[in-house]
Protein backbone atom coordinates (compact mmCIF):
# COMPACT_ATOMS: atom_id res chain seq x y z
CA UNK A 1 94.27 137.94 -50.55
CA UNK A 2 91.76 140.71 -49.55
CA UNK A 3 89.70 142.79 -51.71
CA UNK A 4 91.79 145.89 -51.34
CA UNK A 5 95.09 144.05 -52.34
CA UNK A 6 93.17 142.48 -55.31
CA UNK A 7 92.08 145.84 -56.44
CA UNK A 8 95.51 147.17 -56.12
CA UNK A 9 96.98 144.31 -58.06
CA UNK A 10 94.35 144.73 -60.84
CA UNK A 11 95.20 148.42 -61.02
CA UNK A 12 98.94 147.59 -61.31
CA UNK A 13 98.21 144.88 -64.01
CA UNK A 14 96.01 147.37 -65.98
CA UNK A 15 98.53 150.10 -65.79
CA UNK A 16 101.29 147.71 -67.11
CA UNK A 17 99.14 146.53 -69.97
CA UNK A 18 98.21 150.03 -70.88
CA UNK A 19 101.81 151.02 -70.82
CA UNK A 20 102.80 148.15 -72.95
CA UNK A 21 100.14 149.03 -75.55
CA UNK A 22 101.27 152.60 -75.60
CA UNK A 23 104.78 151.43 -76.24
CA UNK A 24 103.85 148.94 -78.85
CA UNK A 25 101.70 151.59 -80.70
CA UNK A 26 104.67 153.98 -80.49
CA UNK A 27 102.43 156.50 -78.55
CA UNK A 28 105.47 157.21 -76.43
CA UNK A 29 107.31 158.68 -79.43
CA UNK A 30 106.10 162.28 -79.67
CA UNK A 31 107.14 162.56 -83.25
CA UNK A 32 104.75 159.69 -84.21
CA UNK A 33 101.91 161.39 -82.29
CA UNK A 34 102.56 164.82 -83.76
CA UNK A 35 102.77 163.46 -87.18
CA UNK A 36 99.28 161.87 -86.58
CA UNK A 37 97.90 165.19 -85.46
CA UNK A 38 99.43 167.12 -88.41
CA UNK A 39 96.69 166.70 -90.99
CA UNK A 40 98.24 169.26 -93.31
CA UNK A 41 101.82 168.09 -93.11
CA UNK A 42 103.45 164.62 -92.66
CA UNK A 43 100.20 163.04 -91.56
CA UNK A 44 100.67 159.42 -90.26
CA UNK A 45 97.21 157.66 -90.14
CA UNK A 46 98.59 154.60 -88.46
CA UNK A 47 97.41 155.66 -85.02
CA UNK A 48 93.84 155.50 -86.40
CA UNK A 49 94.29 151.61 -86.06
CA UNK A 50 95.15 152.09 -82.34
CA UNK A 51 92.14 154.47 -81.89
CA UNK A 52 89.90 152.22 -83.59
CA UNK A 53 91.02 149.14 -81.66
CA UNK A 54 90.67 151.06 -78.35
CA UNK A 55 87.14 151.99 -79.23
CA UNK A 56 86.05 148.57 -80.28
CA UNK A 57 87.73 146.89 -77.27
CA UNK A 58 86.22 149.48 -74.93
CA UNK A 59 82.79 149.01 -76.22
CA UNK A 60 82.87 145.23 -75.92
CA UNK A 61 84.42 145.38 -72.52
CA UNK A 62 81.78 147.70 -71.31
CA UNK A 63 79.02 145.45 -72.68
CA UNK A 64 80.57 142.51 -70.76
CA UNK A 65 81.46 144.20 -67.49
CA UNK A 66 78.24 146.10 -67.03
CA UNK A 67 76.21 143.00 -67.21
CA UNK A 68 77.49 142.31 -63.62
CA UNK A 69 75.94 143.88 -60.59
CA UNK A 70 79.27 144.82 -59.18
CA UNK A 71 82.89 144.86 -60.07
CA UNK A 72 84.95 141.73 -59.18
CA UNK A 73 86.99 143.50 -56.50
CA UNK A 74 84.81 146.52 -55.37
CA UNK A 75 81.31 146.94 -54.00
CA UNK A 76 80.21 149.26 -56.75
CA UNK A 77 81.03 150.66 -60.22
CA UNK A 78 82.60 154.13 -60.11
CA UNK A 79 81.30 155.74 -63.20
CA UNK A 80 81.14 159.41 -64.23
CA UNK A 81 77.95 161.14 -62.86
CA UNK A 82 78.01 164.07 -65.21
CA UNK A 83 75.48 163.54 -68.01
CA UNK A 84 76.02 166.89 -69.86
CA UNK A 85 78.83 168.73 -71.60
CA UNK A 86 79.69 171.61 -69.43
CA UNK A 87 81.90 174.84 -70.04
CA UNK A 88 84.72 173.55 -67.83
CA UNK A 89 84.68 170.31 -69.65
CA UNK A 90 85.01 171.97 -73.03
CA UNK A 91 87.65 174.47 -71.69
CA UNK A 92 89.60 171.61 -70.13
CA UNK A 93 89.42 169.43 -73.25
CA UNK A 94 90.65 172.40 -75.39
CA UNK A 95 93.63 172.93 -73.12
CA UNK A 96 94.35 169.24 -73.03
CA UNK A 97 94.27 169.13 -76.83
CA UNK A 98 96.53 172.03 -77.19
CA UNK A 99 99.11 170.68 -74.68
CA UNK A 100 99.10 167.25 -76.51
CA UNK A 101 99.44 168.89 -79.96
CA UNK A 102 102.34 171.12 -78.78
CA UNK A 103 104.22 168.56 -76.82
CA UNK A 104 103.16 165.35 -78.43
CA UNK A 105 102.34 163.75 -75.02
CA UNK A 106 99.33 163.09 -73.04
CA UNK A 107 99.69 161.92 -69.49
CA UNK A 108 99.78 158.01 -70.11
CA UNK A 109 102.43 158.12 -72.88
CA UNK A 110 104.42 160.76 -70.86
CA UNK A 111 104.64 158.53 -67.86
CA UNK A 112 105.28 155.33 -69.99
CA UNK A 113 108.10 157.30 -71.78
CA UNK A 114 110.01 157.65 -68.51
CA UNK A 115 110.75 153.92 -68.83
CA UNK A 116 112.70 154.65 -71.88
CA UNK A 117 114.69 157.52 -70.36
CA UNK A 118 112.92 160.03 -72.75
CA UNK A 119 114.18 163.51 -71.50
CA UNK A 120 111.02 165.46 -72.96
CA UNK A 121 108.94 163.48 -70.27
CA UNK A 122 110.97 165.28 -67.57
CA UNK A 123 109.63 168.61 -68.50
CA UNK A 124 106.09 167.41 -69.78
CA UNK A 125 105.16 165.71 -66.62
CA UNK A 126 105.69 168.58 -64.39
CA UNK A 127 103.43 170.76 -66.72
CA UNK A 128 100.88 168.14 -66.55
CA UNK A 129 101.05 167.96 -62.81
CA UNK A 130 100.79 171.85 -62.72
CA UNK A 131 97.86 171.74 -64.88
CA UNK A 132 96.12 169.09 -62.68
CA UNK A 133 96.90 171.11 -59.47
CA UNK A 134 95.54 174.25 -61.08
CA UNK A 135 92.32 172.56 -61.93
CA UNK A 136 91.92 171.05 -58.41
CA UNK A 137 92.80 174.60 -56.89
CA UNK A 138 90.24 176.22 -59.12
CA UNK A 139 87.35 173.80 -58.12
CA UNK A 140 88.30 174.04 -54.47
CA UNK A 141 87.65 177.73 -54.35
CA UNK A 142 84.32 178.94 -53.19
CA UNK A 143 83.79 181.21 -56.29
CA UNK A 144 84.71 178.49 -58.87
CA UNK A 145 81.25 177.79 -59.85
CA UNK A 146 81.56 178.47 -63.53
CA UNK A 147 79.12 176.15 -64.96
């Protein structure tokens, strides 16, 4: 099997494991997520375990993987180049958080919830796609230099 095929297979396997994890953690249930975000109401702290597990696993994974010169199925690592917090990053993060808080979905769980026939995902995913398209459009314009 060639490198590109292995890379695609690894991406498929990673996505499947991610989707399974989202389902097991009940992050495809917007009520569960909204209750986690509702600190003043019916707060459900159980997703803190998911968050903590993700942080620990990611930290350990990065330590192991970054000891290599290159990834297994690519010629280089593709890491973020930005080293500072910019205005567009803050604005985008705030918009992402507001959308997540209003709908109870972020992109991963919204996509995974399609497998359960969740009707909310049918209106959330087009909104996420529209936001992504708006972001790409704003960065493609010559006057989009707002840093």
